[in-house]
Structure formats: structure tokens, C-alpha cells
């Protein structure tokens, strides 16, 4: 069982579209589907859209399909982009 060491909620700091975009871009950079799904849930909470992840059948344990992820991102007002690495 995970031990909670802080009550910090990153959703509290996602107060602007720029902050949300930076947060999601950091998650996308991990290439970890579960972490990206979790980050989208944090954004949904920040935008007070409780239930978005559940409605899209997206959870931190799932490996979401790209179609589902894009649908959730669209509902949150963010999009997926590509950069040269």
C-alpha cells in the first residue's frame, strides 16, 4: 500500500490553460500510459469535471486507447501535439 507523505494536490496549481498544457506535456514526455491517464484525471479534477475519466472509462490502471485519450483531452480543452526531439 502506498504511503501518503503529503496532502499536496497538483490540481490546485492548474489554474490556467498554459499550466494545464505544461502539466500534460510533462506527462506525455514520460511515455507512461498509466501516468498520462492519471495526469488527465488531475486536469479533469482541476477543471471540476468530476467523472470525466470514469465516463471515458479511463483510470490509472488502464492502458487507454488513443481514441479514448484524445476524446478526454478534447473534453478538457487540450490537444496532442508533436515536437522534434
PDB file of N, CA and C in Angstrom:
ATOM      1  N   UNK A   1       0.844  -1.174   0.000  1.00  0.00           N
ATOM      2  CA  UNK A   1       0.000   0.000   0.000  1.00  0.00           C
ATOM      3  C   UNK A   1       0.890   1.238   0.000  1.00  0.00           C
ATOM      4  N   UNK A   2       0.536   2.221  -0.817  1.00  0.00           N
ATOM      5  CA  UNK A   2       1.295   3.464  -0.925  1.00  0.00           C
ATOM      6  C   UNK A   2       1.077   4.311   0.325  1.00  0.00           C
ATOM      7  N   UNK A   3       2.155   4.910   0.782  1.00  0.00           N
ATOM      8  CA  UNK A   3       2.083   5.779   1.950  1.00  0.00           C
ATOM      9  C   UNK A   3       1.988   7.225   1.476  1.00  0.00           C
ATOM     10  N   UNK A   4       1.001   7.960   1.946  1.00  0.00           N
ATOM     11  CA  UNK A   4       0.828   9.358   1.579  1.00  0.00           C
ATOM     12  C   UNK A   4       1.760  10.195   2.450  1.00  0.00           C
ATOM     13  N   UNK A   5       2.657  10.940   1.809  1.00  0.00           N
ATOM     14  CA  UNK A   5       3.617  11.753   2.552  1.00  0.00           C
ATOM     15  C   UNK A   5       3.284  13.234   2.486  1.00  0.00           C
ATOM     16  N   UNK A   6       2.302  13.592   1.688  1.00  0.00           N
ATOM     17  CA  UNK A   6       1.908  14.985   1.545  1.00  0.00           C
ATOM     18  C   UNK A   6       0.459  15.042   1.099  1.00  0.00           C
ATOM     19  N   UNK A   7      -0.219  16.120   1.467  1.00  0.00           N
ATOM     20  CA  UNK A   7      -1.588  16.281   1.002  1.00  0.00           C
ATOM     21  C   UNK A   7      -1.662  17.229  -0.188  1.00  0.00           C
ATOM     22  N   UNK A   8      -0.512  17.476  -0.817  1.00  0.00           N
ATOM     23  CA  UNK A   8      -0.450  18.353  -1.993  1.00  0.00           C
ATOM     24  C   UNK A   8      -1.270  17.756  -3.132  1.00  0.00           C
ATOM     25  N   UNK A   9      -2.079  18.580  -3.774  1.00  0.00           N
ATOM     26  CA  UNK A   9      -2.872  18.165  -4.921  1.00  0.00           C
ATOM     27  C   UNK A   9      -2.475  19.033  -6.109  1.00  0.00           C
ATOM     28  N   UNK A  10      -1.832  18.458  -7.136  1.00  0.00           N
ATOM     29  CA  UNK A  10      -1.400  19.269  -8.274  1.00  0.00           C
ATOM     30  C   UNK A  10      -2.554  19.962  -8.992  1.00  0.00           C
ATOM     31  N   UNK A  11      -3.770  19.451  -8.842  1.00  0.00           N
ATOM     32  CA  UNK A  11      -4.921  20.086  -9.486  1.00  0.00           C
ATOM     33  C   UNK A  11      -5.096  21.519  -9.013  1.00  0.00           C
ATOM     34  N   UNK A  12      -4.671  21.803  -7.781  1.00  0.00           N
ATOM     35  CA  UNK A  12      -4.806  23.152  -7.229  1.00  0.00           C
ATOM     36  C   UNK A  12      -3.962  24.182  -7.977  1.00  0.00           C
ATOM     37  N   UNK A  13      -2.877  23.738  -8.612  1.00  0.00           N
ATOM     38  CA  UNK A  13      -1.988  24.653  -9.330  1.00  0.00           C
ATOM     39  C   UNK A  13      -2.325  24.790 -10.814  1.00  0.00           C
ATOM     40  N   UNK A  14      -3.271  24.028 -11.286  1.00  0.00           N
ATOM     41  CA  UNK A  14      -3.630  24.068 -12.706  1.00  0.00           C
ATOM     42  C   UNK A  14      -4.748  25.085 -12.903  1.00  0.00           C
ATOM     43  N   UNK A  15      -4.376  26.353 -12.842  1.00  0.00           N
ATOM     44  CA  UNK A  15      -5.358  27.429 -12.874  1.00  0.00           C
ATOM     45  C   UNK A  15      -5.418  28.164 -14.204  1.00  0.00           C
ATOM     46  N   UNK A  16      -4.583  27.782 -15.153  1.00  0.00           N
ATOM     47  CA  UNK A  16      -4.591  28.451 -16.456  1.00  0.00           C
ATOM     48  C   UNK A  16      -4.402  27.406 -17.554  1.00  0.00           C
ATOM     49  N   UNK A  17      -4.827  27.739 -18.768  1.00  0.00           N
ATOM     50  CA  UNK A  17      -4.608  26.808 -19.879  1.00  0.00           C
ATOM     51  C   UNK A  17      -3.125  26.493 -20.082  1.00  0.00           C
ATOM     52  N   UNK A  18      -2.263  27.476 -19.841  1.00  0.00           N
ATOM     53  CA  UNK A  18      -0.825  27.264 -20.007  1.00  0.00           C
ATOM     54  C   UNK A  18      -0.298  26.263 -18.974  1.00  0.00           C
ATOM     55  N   UNK A  19      -0.766  26.377 -17.744  1.00  0.00           N
ATOM     56  CA  UNK A  19      -0.339  25.446 -16.691  1.00  0.00           C
ATOM     57  C   UNK A  19      -0.815  24.029 -17.005  1.00  0.00           C
ATOM     58  N   UNK A  20      -2.038  23.925 -17.492  1.00  0.00           N
ATOM     59  CA  UNK A  20      -2.583  22.615 -17.856  1.00  0.00           C
ATOM     60  C   UNK A  20      -1.781  22.010 -18.995  1.00  0.00           C
ATOM     61  N   UNK A  21      -1.480  22.814 -20.013  1.00  0.00           N
ATOM     62  CA  UNK A  21      -0.701  22.321 -21.156  1.00  0.00           C
ATOM     63  C   UNK A  21       0.679  21.855 -20.710  1.00  0.00           C
ATOM     64  N   UNK A  22       1.338  22.618 -19.858  1.00  0.00           N
ATOM     65  CA  UNK A  22       2.670  22.233 -19.372  1.00  0.00           C
ATOM     66  C   UNK A  22       2.591  20.927 -18.585  1.00  0.00           C
ATOM     67  N   UNK A  23       1.578  20.787 -17.747  1.00  0.00           N
ATOM     68  CA  UNK A  23       1.401  19.586 -16.937  1.00  0.00           C
ATOM     69  C   UNK A  23       1.192  18.358 -17.827  1.00  0.00           C
ATOM     70  N   UNK A  24       0.314  18.485 -18.807  1.00  0.00           N
ATOM     71  CA  UNK A  24       0.036  17.361 -19.702  1.00  0.00           C
ATOM     72  C   UNK A  24       1.254  17.044 -20.561  1.00  0.00           C
ATOM     73  N   UNK A  25       1.952  18.057 -21.040  1.00  0.00           N
ATOM     74  CA  UNK A  25       3.157  17.813 -21.836  1.00  0.00           C
ATOM     75  C   UNK A  25       4.218  17.065 -21.036  1.00  0.00           C
ATOM     76  N   UNK A  26       4.372  17.407 -19.761  1.00  0.00           N
ATOM     77  CA  UNK A  26       5.315  16.677 -18.910  1.00  0.00           C
ATOM     78  C   UNK A  26       4.888  15.213 -18.793  1.00  0.00           C
ATOM     79  N   UNK A  27       3.607  14.977 -18.621  1.00  0.00           N
ATOM     80  CA  UNK A  27       3.114  13.603 -18.520  1.00  0.00           C
ATOM     81  C   UNK A  27       3.341  12.851 -19.830  1.00  0.00           C
ATOM     82  N   UNK A  28       3.044  13.495 -20.950  1.00  0.00           N
ATOM     83  CA  UNK A  28       3.244  12.852 -22.255  1.00  0.00           C
ATOM     84  C   UNK A  28       4.710  12.485 -22.463  1.00  0.00           C
ATOM     85  N   UNK A  29       5.597  13.308 -21.927  1.00  0.00           N
ATOM     86  CA  UNK A  29       7.028  13.064 -22.070  1.00  0.00           C
ATOM     87  C   UNK A  29       7.511  11.815 -21.354  1.00  0.00           C
ATOM     88  N   UNK A  30       6.713  11.280 -20.450  1.00  0.00           N
ATOM     89  CA  UNK A  30       7.117  10.071 -19.730  1.00  0.00           C
ATOM     90  C   UNK A  30       6.899   8.808 -20.550  1.00  0.00           C
ATOM     91  N   UNK A  31       6.050   8.864 -21.566  1.00  0.00           N
ATOM     92  CA  UNK A  31       5.676   7.692 -22.361  1.00  0.00           C
ATOM     93  C   UNK A  31       5.052   6.591 -21.510  1.00  0.00           C
ATOM     94  N   UNK A  32       4.510   6.950 -20.362  1.00  0.00           N
ATOM     95  CA  UNK A  32       3.885   6.009 -19.443  1.00  0.00           C
ATOM     96  C   UNK A  32       2.371   6.200 -19.517  1.00  0.00           C
ATOM     97  N   UNK A  33       1.694   5.252 -20.160  1.00  0.00           N
ATOM     98  CA  UNK A  33       0.253   5.384 -20.391  1.00  0.00           C
ATOM     99  C   UNK A  33      -0.522   5.567 -19.095  1.00  0.00           C
ATOM    100  N   UNK A  34      -0.140   4.844 -18.043  1.00  0.00           N
ATOM    101  CA  UNK A  34      -0.859   4.963 -16.771  1.00  0.00           C
ATOM    102  C   UNK A  34      -0.662   6.351 -16.167  1.00  0.00           C
ATOM    103  N   UNK A  35       0.553   6.876 -16.261  1.00  0.00           N
ATOM    104  CA  UNK A  35       0.819   8.201 -15.711  1.00  0.00           C
ATOM    105  C   UNK A  35       0.087   9.277 -16.514  1.00  0.00           C
ATOM    106  N   UNK A  36       0.045   9.127 -17.827  1.00  0.00           N
ATOM    107  CA  UNK A  36      -0.674  10.081 -18.677  1.00  0.00           C
ATOM    108  C   UNK A  36      -2.162  10.056 -18.325  1.00  0.00           C
ATOM    109  N   UNK A  37      -2.715   8.869 -18.133  1.00  0.00           N
ATOM    110  CA  UNK A  37      -4.127   8.746 -17.741  1.00  0.00           C
ATOM    111  C   UNK A  37      -4.351   9.426 -16.396  1.00  0.00           C
ATOM    112  N   UNK A  38      -3.426   9.228 -15.464  1.00  0.00           N
ATOM    113  CA  UNK A  38      -3.531   9.872 -14.151  1.00  0.00           C
ATOM    114  C   UNK A  38      -3.492  11.393 -14.299  1.00  0.00           C
ATOM    115  N   UNK A  39      -2.577  11.890 -15.129  1.00  0.00           N
ATOM    116  CA  UNK A  39      -2.456  13.335 -15.340  1.00  0.00           C
ATOM    117  C   UNK A  39      -3.743  13.914 -15.916  1.00  0.00           C
ATOM    118  N   UNK A  40      -4.371  13.206 -16.833  1.00  0.00           N
ATOM    119  CA  UNK A  40      -5.637  13.676 -17.394  1.00  0.00           C
ATOM    120  C   UNK A  40      -6.715  13.713 -16.322  1.00  0.00           C
ATOM    121  N   UNK A  41      -6.674  12.767 -15.398  1.00  0.00           N
ATOM    122  CA  UNK A  41      -7.610  12.787 -14.279  1.00  0.00           C
ATOM    123  C   UNK A  41      -7.384  13.990 -13.375  1.00  0.00           C
ATOM    124  N   UNK A  42      -6.114  14.346 -13.165  1.00  0.00           N
ATOM    125  CA  UNK A  42      -5.783  15.530 -12.363  1.00  0.00           C
ATOM    126  C   UNK A  42      -6.323  16.780 -13.044  1.00  0.00           C
ATOM    127  N   UNK A  43      -6.158  16.863 -14.367  1.00  0.00           N
ATOM    128  CA  UNK A  43      -6.668  18.020 -15.108  1.00  0.00           C
ATOM    129  C   UNK A  43      -8.193  18.069 -15.015  1.00  0.00           C
ATOM    130  N   UNK A  44      -8.842  16.928 -15.131  1.00  0.00           N
ATOM    131  CA  UNK A  44     -10.306  16.897 -15.015  1.00  0.00           C
ATOM    132  C   UNK A  44     -10.741  17.414 -13.650  1.00  0.00           C
ATOM    133  N   UNK A  45     -10.017  17.012 -12.610  1.00  0.00           N
ATOM    134  CA  UNK A  45     -10.327  17.486 -11.260  1.00  0.00           C
ATOM    135  C   UNK A  45     -10.098  18.989 -11.168  1.00  0.00           C
ATOM    136  N   UNK A  46      -9.024  19.472 -11.769  1.00  0.00           N
ATOM    137  CA  UNK A  46      -8.717  20.900 -11.746  1.00  0.00           C
ATOM    138  C   UNK A  46      -9.802  21.708 -12.434  1.00  0.00           C
ATOM    139  N   UNK A  47     -10.382  21.135 -13.467  1.00  0.00           N
ATOM    140  CA  UNK A  47     -11.436  21.824 -14.202  1.00  0.00           C
ATOM    141  C   UNK A  47     -12.814  21.496 -13.640  1.00  0.00           C
ATOM    142  N   UNK A  48     -12.819  20.859 -12.456  1.00  0.00           N
ATOM    143  CA  UNK A  48     -14.057  20.487 -11.785  1.00  0.00           C
ATOM    144  C   UNK A  48     -14.966  19.663 -12.686  1.00  0.00           C
ATOM    145  N   UNK A  49     -14.369  18.719 -13.372  1.00  0.00           N
ATOM    146  CA  UNK A  49     -15.102  17.845 -14.276  1.00  0.00           C
ATOM    147  C   UNK A  49     -15.103  16.430 -13.710  1.00  0.00           C
ATOM    148  N   UNK A  50     -15.515  16.309 -12.457  1.00  0.00           N
ATOM    149  CA  UNK A  50     -15.553  15.004 -11.804  1.00  0.00           C
ATOM    150  C   UNK A  50     -16.315  14.013 -12.659  1.00  0.00           C
ATOM    151  N   UNK A  51     -15.771  12.840 -12.787  1.00  0.00           N
ATOM    152  CA  UNK A  51     -16.435  11.786 -13.536  1.00  0.00           C
ATOM    153  C   UNK A  51     -16.002  11.701 -14.992  1.00  0.00           C
ATOM    154  N   UNK A  52     -15.212  12.657 -15.486  1.00  0.00           N
ATOM    155  CA  UNK A  52     -14.786  12.609 -16.889  1.00  0.00           C
ATOM    156  C   UNK A  52     -14.020  11.323 -17.168  1.00  0.00           C
ATOM    157  N   UNK A  53     -13.068  10.995 -16.329  1.00  0.00           N
ATOM    158  CA  UNK A  53     -12.278   9.785 -16.552  1.00  0.00           C
ATOM    159  C   UNK A  53     -13.154   8.544 -16.490  1.00  0.00           C
ATOM    160  N   UNK A  54     -14.077   8.523 -15.545  1.00  0.00           N
ATOM    161  CA  UNK A  54     -14.954   7.362 -15.439  1.00  0.00           C
ATOM    162  C   UNK A  54     -15.874   7.253 -16.655  1.00  0.00           C
ATOM    163  N   UNK A  55     -16.403   8.385 -17.093  1.00  0.00           N
ATOM    164  CA  UNK A  55     -17.284   8.369 -18.267  1.00  0.00           C
ATOM    165  C   UNK A  55     -16.545   7.888 -19.510  1.00  0.00           C
ATOM    166  N   UNK A  56     -15.270   8.218 -19.585  1.00  0.00           N
ATOM    167  CA  UNK A  56     -14.470   7.792 -20.728  1.00  0.00           C
ATOM    168  C   UNK A  56     -13.845   6.422 -20.488  1.00  0.00           C
ATOM    169  N   UNK A  57     -14.189   5.808 -19.344  1.00  0.00           N
ATOM    170  CA  UNK A  57     -13.642   4.512 -18.959  1.00  0.00           C
ATOM    171  C   UNK A  57     -12.128   4.556 -18.910  1.00  0.00           C
ATOM    172  N   UNK A  58     -11.599   5.606 -18.317  1.00  0.00           N
ATOM    173  CA  UNK A  58     -10.169   5.820 -18.222  1.00  0.00           C
ATOM    174  C   UNK A  58      -9.783   5.846 -16.754  1.00  0.00           C
ATOM    175  N   UNK A  59      -8.828   5.018 -16.377  1.00  0.00           N
ATOM    176  CA  UNK A  59      -8.349   5.029 -14.994  1.00  0.00           C
ATOM    177  C   UNK A  59      -6.844   4.853 -15.004  1.00  0.00           C
ATOM    178  N   UNK A  60      -6.211   5.090 -13.869  1.00  0.00           N
ATOM    179  CA  UNK A  60      -4.759   4.990 -13.805  1.00  0.00           C
ATOM    180  C   UNK A  60      -4.274   3.550 -13.987  1.00  0.00           C
ATOM    181  N   UNK A  61      -5.157   2.572 -13.820  1.00  0.00           N
ATOM    182  CA  UNK A  61      -4.760   1.181 -14.014  1.00  0.00           C
ATOM    183  C   UNK A  61      -4.891   0.740 -15.467  1.00  0.00           C
ATOM    184  N   UNK A  62      -5.641   1.475 -16.248  1.00  0.00           N
ATOM    185  CA  UNK A  62      -5.881   1.101 -17.634  1.00  0.00           C
ATOM    186  C   UNK A  62      -4.750   1.548 -18.535  1.00  0.00           C
ATOM    187  N   UNK A  63      -4.683   0.909 -19.684  1.00  0.00           N
ATOM    188  CA  UNK A  63      -3.829   1.360 -20.764  1.00  0.00           C
ATOM    189  C   UNK A  63      -4.792   1.923 -21.801  1.00  0.00           C
ATOM    190  N   UNK A  64      -5.119   3.219 -21.715  1.00  0.00           N
ATOM    191  CA  UNK A  64      -6.186   3.768 -22.554  1.00  0.00           C
ATOM    192  C   UNK A  64      -5.833   3.747 -24.038  1.00  0.00           C
ATOM    193  N   UNK A  65      -6.862   3.593 -24.841  1.00  0.00           N
ATOM    194  CA  UNK A  65      -6.647   3.673 -26.273  1.00  0.00           C
ATOM    195  C   UNK A  65      -6.412   5.129 -26.648  1.00  0.00           C
ATOM    196  N   UNK A  66      -5.758   5.345 -27.761  1.00  0.00           N
ATOM    197  CA  UNK A  66      -5.523   6.709 -28.221  1.00  0.00           C
ATOM    198  C   UNK A  66      -6.845   7.419 -28.477  1.00  0.00           C
ATOM    199  N   UNK A  67      -7.824   6.699 -29.007  1.00  0.00           N
ATOM    200  CA  UNK A  67      -9.131   7.291 -29.271  1.00  0.00           C
ATOM    201  C   UNK A  67      -9.754   7.822 -27.981  1.00  0.00           C
ATOM    202  N   UNK A  68      -9.709   7.024 -26.914  1.00  0.00           N
ATOM    203  CA  UNK A  68     -10.266   7.450 -25.633  1.00  0.00           C
ATOM    204  C   UNK A  68      -9.493   8.634 -25.076  1.00  0.00           C
ATOM    205  N   UNK A  69      -8.181   8.548 -25.131  1.00  0.00           N
ATOM    206  CA  UNK A  69      -7.343   9.633 -24.612  1.00  0.00           C
ATOM    207  C   UNK A  69      -7.620  10.931 -25.350  1.00  0.00           C
ATOM    208  N   UNK A  70      -7.709  10.883 -26.656  1.00  0.00           N
ATOM    209  CA  UNK A  70      -7.992  12.091 -27.432  1.00  0.00           C
ATOM    210  C   UNK A  70      -9.371  12.645 -27.105  1.00  0.00           C
ATOM    211  N   UNK A  71     -10.344  11.768 -26.877  1.00  0.00           N
ATOM    212  CA  UNK A  71     -11.695  12.223 -26.516  1.00  0.00           C
ATOM    213  C   UNK A  71     -11.681  12.937 -25.169  1.00  0.00           C
ATOM    214  N   UNK A  72     -10.972  12.379 -24.199  1.00  0.00           N
ATOM    215  CA  UNK A  72     -10.872  13.019 -22.889  1.00  0.00           C
ATOM    216  C   UNK A  72     -10.146  14.347 -23.012  1.00  0.00           C
ATOM    217  N   UNK A  73      -9.040  14.366 -23.753  1.00  0.00           N
ATOM    218  CA  UNK A  73      -8.290  15.610 -23.919  1.00  0.00           C
ATOM    219  C   UNK A  73      -9.146  16.684 -24.581  1.00  0.00           C
ATOM    220  N   UNK A  74      -9.930  16.296 -25.567  1.00  0.00           N
ATOM    221  CA  UNK A  74     -10.817  17.262 -26.220  1.00  0.00           C
ATOM    222  C   UNK A  74     -11.830  17.815 -25.224  1.00  0.00           C
ATOM    223  N   UNK A  75     -12.393  16.940 -24.392  1.00  0.00           N
ATOM    224  CA  UNK A  75     -13.357  17.385 -23.389  1.00  0.00           C
ATOM    225  C   UNK A  75     -12.719  18.344 -22.387  1.00  0.00           C
ATOM    226  N   UNK A  76     -11.418  18.174 -22.161  1.00  0.00           N
ATOM    227  CA  UNK A  76     -10.698  19.034 -21.225  1.00  0.00           C
ATOM    228  C   UNK A  76     -10.174  20.309 -21.883  1.00  0.00           C
ATOM    229  N   UNK A  77     -10.322  20.404 -23.195  1.00  0.00           N
ATOM    230  CA  UNK A  77      -9.873  21.608 -23.897  1.00  0.00           C
ATOM    231  C   UNK A  77      -8.387  21.616 -24.202  1.00  0.00           C
ATOM    232  N   UNK A  78      -7.778  20.429 -24.300  1.00  0.00           N
ATOM    233  CA  UNK A  78      -6.355  20.344 -24.648  1.00  0.00           C
ATOM    234  C   UNK A  78      -6.186  19.411 -25.815  1.00  0.00           C
ATOM    235  N   UNK A  79      -5.061  19.518 -26.506  1.00  0.00           N
ATOM    236  CA  UNK A  79      -4.824  18.667 -27.667  1.00  0.00           C
ATOM    237  C   UNK A  79      -3.428  18.057 -27.615  1.00  0.00           C
ATOM    238  N   UNK A  80      -3.206  17.057 -28.416  1.00  0.00           N
ATOM    239  CA  UNK A  80      -1.933  16.376 -28.506  1.00  0.00           C
ATOM    240  C   UNK A  80      -1.138  16.992 -29.649  1.00  0.00           C
ATOM    241  N   UNK A  81       0.125  17.310 -29.408  1.00  0.00           N
ATOM    242  CA  UNK A  81       0.976  17.858 -30.458  1.00  0.00           C
ATOM    243  C   UNK A  81       2.293  17.088 -30.492  1.00  0.00           C
ATOM    244  N   UNK A  82       3.063  17.316 -31.527  1.00  0.00           N
ATOM    245  CA  UNK A  82       4.352  16.657 -31.663  1.00  0.00           C
ATOM    246  C   UNK A  82       5.449  17.703 -31.778  1.00  0.00           C
ATOM    247  N   UNK A  83       6.597  17.395 -31.185  1.00  0.00           N
ATOM    248  CA  UNK A  83       7.778  18.234 -31.266  1.00  0.00           C
ATOM    249  C   UNK A  83       8.938  17.392 -31.763  1.00  0.00           C
ATOM    250  N   UNK A  84       9.906  18.042 -32.353  1.00  0.00           N
ATOM    251  CA  UNK A  84      11.122  17.373 -32.763  1.00  0.00           C
ATOM    252  C   UNK A  84      11.976  17.142 -31.519  1.00  0.00           C
ATOM    253  N   UNK A  85      12.479  15.916 -31.366  1.00  0.00           N
ATOM    254  CA  UNK A  85      13.326  15.620 -30.197  1.00  0.00           C
ATOM    255  C   UNK A  85      14.750  15.361 -30.612  1.00  0.00           C
TER     256      UNK A  85
END
